[in-house]
Protein backbone atom coordinates (compact mmCIF):
# COMPACT_ATOMS: atom_id res chain seq x y z
CA MET A 1 103.86 -168.94 33.22
CA GLU A 2 101.48 -165.92 32.71
CA ARG A 3 103.00 -163.05 31.27
CA ARG A 4 104.13 -160.04 33.30
CA TYR A 5 103.04 -156.45 32.27
CA PHE A 6 105.00 -153.20 33.10
CA TRP A 7 104.72 -149.58 31.94
CA THR A 8 107.22 -146.87 31.66
CA LYS A 9 107.21 -143.07 30.35
CA VAL A 10 109.21 -142.68 26.90
CA TRP A 11 109.08 -139.75 24.38
CA GLY A 12 107.68 -141.92 21.52
CA ALA A 13 106.90 -145.38 19.96
CA PRO A 14 109.39 -148.16 19.76
CA ASP A 15 111.53 -148.80 16.75
CA VAL A 16 112.15 -152.43 15.21
CA PRO A 17 113.94 -154.95 17.69
CA LYS A 18 117.32 -154.84 16.06
CA HIS A 19 117.46 -150.89 16.32
CA ASP A 20 115.92 -150.51 19.78
CA ALA A 21 116.00 -151.64 23.50
CA LEU A 22 114.45 -151.06 26.67
CA ALA A 23 116.47 -148.08 27.72
CA PHE A 24 117.43 -146.26 30.74
CA ASN A 25 119.43 -143.30 32.00
CA HIS A 26 121.33 -145.12 34.67
CA GLU A 27 123.41 -148.25 34.62
CA ARG A 28 122.60 -149.25 38.03
CA THR A 29 118.60 -148.75 37.23
CA ARG A 30 119.15 -150.97 34.05
CA ASP A 31 120.89 -153.69 36.12
CA ASP A 32 118.24 -153.76 38.72
CA VAL A 33 115.64 -154.16 36.21
CA LEU A 34 117.81 -156.73 34.28
CA ALA A 35 118.20 -158.94 37.30
CA ASN A 36 114.38 -159.24 37.74
CA SER A 37 113.46 -159.51 34.11
CA ILE A 38 111.91 -162.76 32.77
CA PRO A 39 111.92 -163.34 28.96
CA GLY A 40 108.56 -162.48 27.49
CA ASP A 41 107.92 -159.68 30.04
CA ILE A 42 106.05 -156.87 28.19
CA VAL A 43 106.79 -153.28 29.13
CA VAL A 44 104.13 -150.86 27.68
CA PHE A 45 105.24 -147.19 26.44
CA LEU A 46 103.38 -144.11 27.70
CA THR A 47 104.39 -141.04 26.00
CA SER A 48 105.27 -138.24 28.32
CA ASP A 49 103.81 -134.92 27.99
CA ALA A 50 107.43 -133.28 27.73
CA THR A 51 108.33 -130.75 24.85
CA GLU A 52 110.61 -133.21 23.39
CA ALA A 53 108.23 -136.18 23.05
CA ASP A 54 106.73 -137.07 19.83
CA ALA A 55 104.08 -134.50 19.26
CA LEU A 56 101.76 -136.89 17.76
CA MET A 57 101.60 -139.01 20.90
CA ARG A 58 102.01 -136.88 23.72
CA GLY A 59 99.88 -138.08 26.64
CA ARG A 60 98.93 -141.28 25.13
CA VAL A 61 99.81 -144.81 24.80
CA ALA A 62 102.63 -145.42 22.09
CA GLY A 63 103.41 -149.11 22.14
CA ALA A 64 105.01 -152.08 23.82
CA VAL A 65 108.17 -154.19 23.86
CA GLU A 66 108.87 -157.79 24.74
CA ILE A 67 111.93 -158.66 26.80
CA ALA A 68 114.23 -160.79 24.83
CA ASP A 69 115.23 -164.54 25.69
CA PRO A 70 117.61 -164.26 27.27
CA PRO A 71 117.55 -160.74 28.53
CA GLU A 72 120.85 -159.11 27.96
CA PRO A 73 122.49 -155.85 28.61
CA ILE A 74 123.35 -153.59 25.67
CA MET A 75 124.41 -150.13 24.77
CA VAL A 76 121.45 -148.44 23.14
CA GLU A 77 123.14 -145.79 21.09
CA PRO A 78 124.87 -147.99 18.53
CA LEU A 79 121.80 -149.51 17.95
CA ARG A 80 119.92 -146.52 17.02
CA GLY A 81 122.59 -145.20 14.86
CA ASN A 82 121.28 -142.15 12.62
CA ARG A 83 117.69 -143.02 13.72
CA SER A 84 118.24 -140.67 17.14
CA ARG A 85 116.80 -137.41 17.08
CA PRO A 86 118.60 -134.30 18.25
CA GLU A 87 116.42 -134.24 21.27
CA ASP A 88 117.69 -137.49 22.31
CA PHE A 89 121.25 -135.98 23.24
CA ARG A 90 122.08 -133.60 26.26
CA SER A 91 123.49 -130.34 25.64
CA ASP A 92 126.98 -131.82 26.29
CA GLY A 93 126.29 -134.28 23.22
CA ARG A 94 125.75 -137.34 25.74
CA PHE A 95 123.07 -139.80 24.71
CA ARG A 96 120.25 -139.61 27.11
CA TRP A 97 119.30 -143.44 27.56
CA PRO A 98 122.46 -145.25 26.97
CA PHE A 99 121.97 -148.48 28.96
CA GLY A 100 119.53 -150.90 27.39
CA ILE A 101 118.11 -154.43 27.87
CA THR A 102 117.62 -156.50 24.59
CA VAL A 103 113.95 -157.05 23.11
CA SER A 104 112.58 -159.56 20.74
CA ARG A 105 109.50 -157.93 19.49
CA THR A 106 107.83 -154.19 19.47
CA TRP A 107 104.71 -152.86 18.83
CA ARG A 108 103.25 -149.43 17.84
CA VAL A 109 99.61 -148.86 19.23
CA ILE A 110 97.15 -147.36 16.59
CA ASP A 111 94.32 -146.82 18.82
CA GLN A 112 94.04 -143.28 20.41
CA GLU A 113 94.34 -144.43 24.13
CA ALA A 114 95.33 -141.72 26.79
CA ASN A 115 97.76 -142.46 29.58
CA ASP A 116 95.17 -141.51 32.18
CA ALA A 117 92.58 -144.12 30.68
CA LEU A 118 95.11 -146.94 30.73
CA VAL A 119 96.95 -146.28 33.86
CA PRO A 120 95.02 -143.81 36.03
CA ASP A 121 97.72 -143.20 38.84
CA HIS A 122 100.74 -142.87 36.49
CA ALA A 123 101.28 -139.21 37.11
CA SER A 124 101.68 -140.05 40.91
CA LYS A 125 105.07 -141.73 40.07
CA GLY A 126 106.64 -138.21 39.19
CA ILE A 127 110.17 -138.62 37.79
CA GLN A 128 110.09 -142.11 38.50
CA GLY A 129 107.71 -143.01 35.68
CA ALA A 130 110.32 -142.44 33.31
CA ALA A 131 113.26 -143.80 35.27
CA THR A 132 112.28 -147.42 35.49
CA ILE A 133 109.30 -149.68 34.98
CA HIS A 134 106.32 -150.30 36.90
CA ALA A 135 103.88 -153.04 37.29
CA MET A 136 100.48 -152.81 35.68
CA GLN A 137 97.20 -153.86 37.32
CA PRO A 138 95.00 -156.69 36.17
CA LEU A 139 92.28 -154.23 34.79
CA GLU A 140 95.19 -152.09 33.10
CA ILE A 141 96.43 -155.22 31.41
CA GLN A 142 93.27 -156.28 30.10
CA ARG A 143 92.38 -152.82 28.59
CA PHE A 144 95.99 -152.79 27.07
CA ARG A 145 95.51 -156.20 25.37
CA ARG A 146 92.38 -154.97 23.63
CA LEU A 147 93.89 -152.13 21.84
CA ARG A 148 94.81 -152.51 18.11
CA VAL A 149 98.61 -152.51 17.31
CA VAL A 150 101.33 -152.85 14.45
CA GLU A 151 104.22 -155.08 15.07
CA GLN A 152 107.33 -153.34 13.98
CA VAL A 153 109.02 -155.67 11.58
CA ASP A 154 111.88 -154.61 9.68
CA GLY A 155 111.68 -154.56 5.93
CA GLU A 156 108.13 -156.21 5.83
CA LYS A 157 104.74 -154.73 5.90
CA ALA A 158 103.11 -155.64 9.44
CA ASP A 159 99.47 -155.82 9.94
CA ARG A 160 97.18 -154.16 12.60
CA GLN A 161 95.55 -156.54 15.37
CA PRO A 162 94.46 -156.51 18.84
CA PHE A 163 97.76 -157.11 21.12
CA SER A 164 96.21 -160.19 22.53
CA SER A 165 96.03 -161.85 18.91
CA SER A 166 99.38 -160.53 18.17
CA LEU A 167 101.01 -162.39 20.93
CA ARG A 168 99.73 -165.94 19.51
CA ARG A 169 102.19 -165.26 16.57
CA PRO A 170 105.61 -166.49 16.57
CA TRP A 171 107.89 -163.47 16.53
CA ARG A 172 109.91 -164.70 13.51
CA GLN A 173 106.56 -165.23 11.63
CA LYS A 174 106.49 -163.02 8.59
CA ALA A 175 104.20 -160.06 9.45
CA GLY A 176 101.55 -158.48 6.82
CA PRO A 177 98.41 -159.84 4.94
CA ARG A 178 98.42 -163.17 3.75
CA SER A 179 99.12 -163.91 0.05
CA GLY A 180 95.87 -163.48 -1.88
CA SER A 181 96.07 -166.95 -3.37
CA LEU A 182 96.07 -168.40 0.16
CA VAL A 183 93.01 -166.58 1.18
CA ASN A 184 89.37 -167.60 0.49
CA PRO A 185 87.35 -164.77 -0.91
CA GLY A 186 84.94 -163.09 1.65
CA THR A 187 86.78 -163.63 4.73
CA GLN A 188 86.87 -160.21 6.45
CA LEU A 189 85.13 -159.01 9.48
CA TYR A 190 84.00 -155.37 8.89
CA VAL A 191 82.40 -152.46 10.60
CA ALA A 192 81.14 -149.67 8.34
CA VAL A 193 79.79 -146.20 9.97
CA ILE A 194 77.64 -143.38 8.73
CA SER A 195 77.24 -140.22 10.63
CA ASP A 196 74.33 -137.92 10.05
CA ASP A 197 71.68 -135.78 12.04
CA ALA A 198 70.62 -139.06 13.75
CA GLY A 199 74.34 -139.62 15.06
CA MET A 200 76.43 -142.22 14.26
CA THR A 201 75.35 -145.68 12.98
CA PHE A 202 77.61 -148.73 12.47
CA LYS A 203 77.08 -151.66 10.25
CA VAL A 204 78.66 -154.94 10.92
CA GLY A 205 79.36 -157.71 8.61
CA SER A 206 81.63 -160.28 6.96
CA GLY A 207 82.60 -161.03 3.48
CA LYS A 208 84.55 -158.49 1.13
CA ALA A 209 84.51 -155.35 2.93
CA ASN A 210 84.93 -153.26 -0.08
CA GLU A 211 82.41 -154.78 -1.92
CA ARG A 212 79.86 -154.80 0.96
CA LEU A 213 80.65 -150.91 1.37
CA ALA A 214 79.87 -150.42 -2.37
CA GLU A 215 76.48 -152.00 -2.10
CA LEU A 216 75.54 -149.75 1.05
CA ASN A 217 76.49 -146.70 -0.96
CA ARG A 218 74.91 -147.86 -4.20
CA TYR A 219 71.80 -145.77 -3.74
CA ARG A 220 73.08 -142.97 -1.76
CA ARG A 221 73.19 -139.62 -3.41
CA PRO A 222 76.45 -137.57 -2.56
CA SER A 223 75.74 -134.88 -5.12
CA GLN A 224 72.55 -133.84 -3.18
CA GLY A 225 74.44 -134.02 0.17
CA GLU A 226 73.82 -137.32 1.22
CA VAL A 227 76.52 -138.67 3.58
CA LEU A 228 78.14 -142.04 2.45
CA TRP A 229 79.05 -144.83 4.55
CA SER A 230 82.72 -145.37 5.21
CA LEU A 231 84.77 -148.52 6.38
CA TYR A 232 85.65 -147.83 10.08
CA GLN A 233 87.44 -151.06 11.12
CA ASP A 234 88.27 -154.47 9.28
CA TRP A 235 90.13 -157.66 9.86
CA ASP A 236 91.17 -160.51 7.66
CA PHE A 237 90.65 -164.03 8.54
CA ALA A 238 91.85 -167.40 6.92
CA THR A 239 88.34 -168.78 6.70
CA VAL A 240 84.79 -167.83 6.01
CA GLU A 241 83.67 -169.48 9.14
CA ALA A 242 86.05 -167.44 11.42
CA ALA A 243 84.86 -164.40 9.74
CA ARG A 244 81.14 -165.19 10.37
CA THR A 245 81.73 -166.43 13.81
CA ALA A 246 83.39 -162.92 14.59
CA GLU A 247 80.41 -161.00 13.07
CA ASP A 248 77.88 -163.25 15.01
CA HIS A 249 79.66 -162.41 18.24
CA LEU A 250 79.98 -158.74 17.79
CA LEU A 251 76.41 -158.35 16.74
CA GLY A 252 75.21 -160.72 19.53
CA ARG A 253 77.25 -158.85 22.28
CA ALA A 254 76.10 -155.46 21.17
CA LYS A 255 72.37 -156.41 21.03
CA GLU A 256 72.71 -157.94 24.54
CA MET A 257 74.06 -154.69 25.81
CA GLY A 258 71.30 -152.46 24.36
CA TRP A 259 72.93 -151.24 21.36
CA GLY A 260 70.99 -153.07 18.63
CA SER A 261 68.86 -151.15 16.01
CA GLU A 262 65.05 -151.63 15.20
CA ASP A 263 66.02 -150.45 11.50
CA HIS A 264 68.48 -153.52 10.57
CA SER A 265 69.72 -156.48 12.33
CA GLU A 266 73.18 -155.62 11.57
CA PHE A 267 73.16 -151.97 12.76
CA ILE A 268 74.54 -150.80 15.85
CA VAL A 269 73.69 -147.58 17.53
CA GLY A 270 74.45 -145.36 20.71
CA ILE A 271 77.72 -147.23 21.16
CA GLY A 272 80.64 -145.50 22.31
CA MET A 273 84.02 -146.01 20.51
CA SER A 274 85.88 -147.72 23.39
CA GLU A 275 82.87 -150.07 23.75
CA LEU A 276 83.16 -150.96 19.96
CA ALA A 277 86.99 -151.47 20.13
CA GLU A 278 86.57 -153.87 22.97
CA LEU A 279 83.74 -155.88 21.19
CA PHE A 280 85.76 -155.73 17.98
CA SER A 281 88.78 -157.10 20.08
CA GLU A 282 86.43 -160.09 21.32
CA ALA A 283 85.22 -160.81 17.94
CA VAL A 284 88.71 -161.02 16.52
CA ASP A 285 89.92 -163.18 19.39
CA LEU A 286 86.99 -165.62 18.80
CA GLY A 287 87.57 -165.54 14.91
CA ALA A 288 91.21 -166.22 15.37
CA THR A 289 90.32 -169.23 17.66
CA GLN A 290 88.03 -170.66 14.92
CA ASP A 291 90.98 -170.24 12.33
CA GLU A 292 93.17 -172.14 14.71
CA ALA A 293 90.71 -175.01 15.15
CA ASN A 294 90.30 -175.06 11.12
CA ALA A 295 93.81 -175.20 10.49
């Protein structure tokens, strides 16, 4: 069955599953959502503009949660423990969102995606935007799935990846970069960037990102005011073939769309950040498919 996607308004990103839930103010609303929930449903968190919301996330997409299998009612305050903020309580001391539904996985979005860009009509829901969940449209789902996320995993260092790739991983699988002994050298897809009077130029490649970046800057002269290349984005694959497949796809699509450069076959110019993010996500998906085929 195709996953269903919903959105709701919140005050910040979700915590790890054992300390969080899909939370509601009213028990009746929680029960209505619970009655219609299917395991694996995704609920995307849009951060409110309220003063109490996380100042670093106001007005943008904060994260997402996956409904547990089976979905069960739960009281949220005991889950949070001492993780709750003073703002999470009313003036009379009552917790604001006591009624929850269990979740199996949670993610924090690391791309700077505005609520307005992801769900253009979210504001029309008014106070109901935060009271319950709302179905997402196909184009909204597609855009969200391209965003980079970090899965919230207790006691482990989770890696960043596009949401569509993240969903392929079993939720019990250990998150984080693979052990160095299990990874072949030169299996990274990377995008470097330099910004000068000519604007922004991106360099796409595969291999060892740090070594390639050092080579790019070998003959730059920072002491004389020359700008250095910096790492903009990178992704670790399991195989060299996957990294090269991803590189070829990203460069090929960029050139097809008119963003190639006459100066170098691996340069991209004139592209917007959102378009680059979409191409990078596509390339990662293709590389991940290559890794699966090689496994």
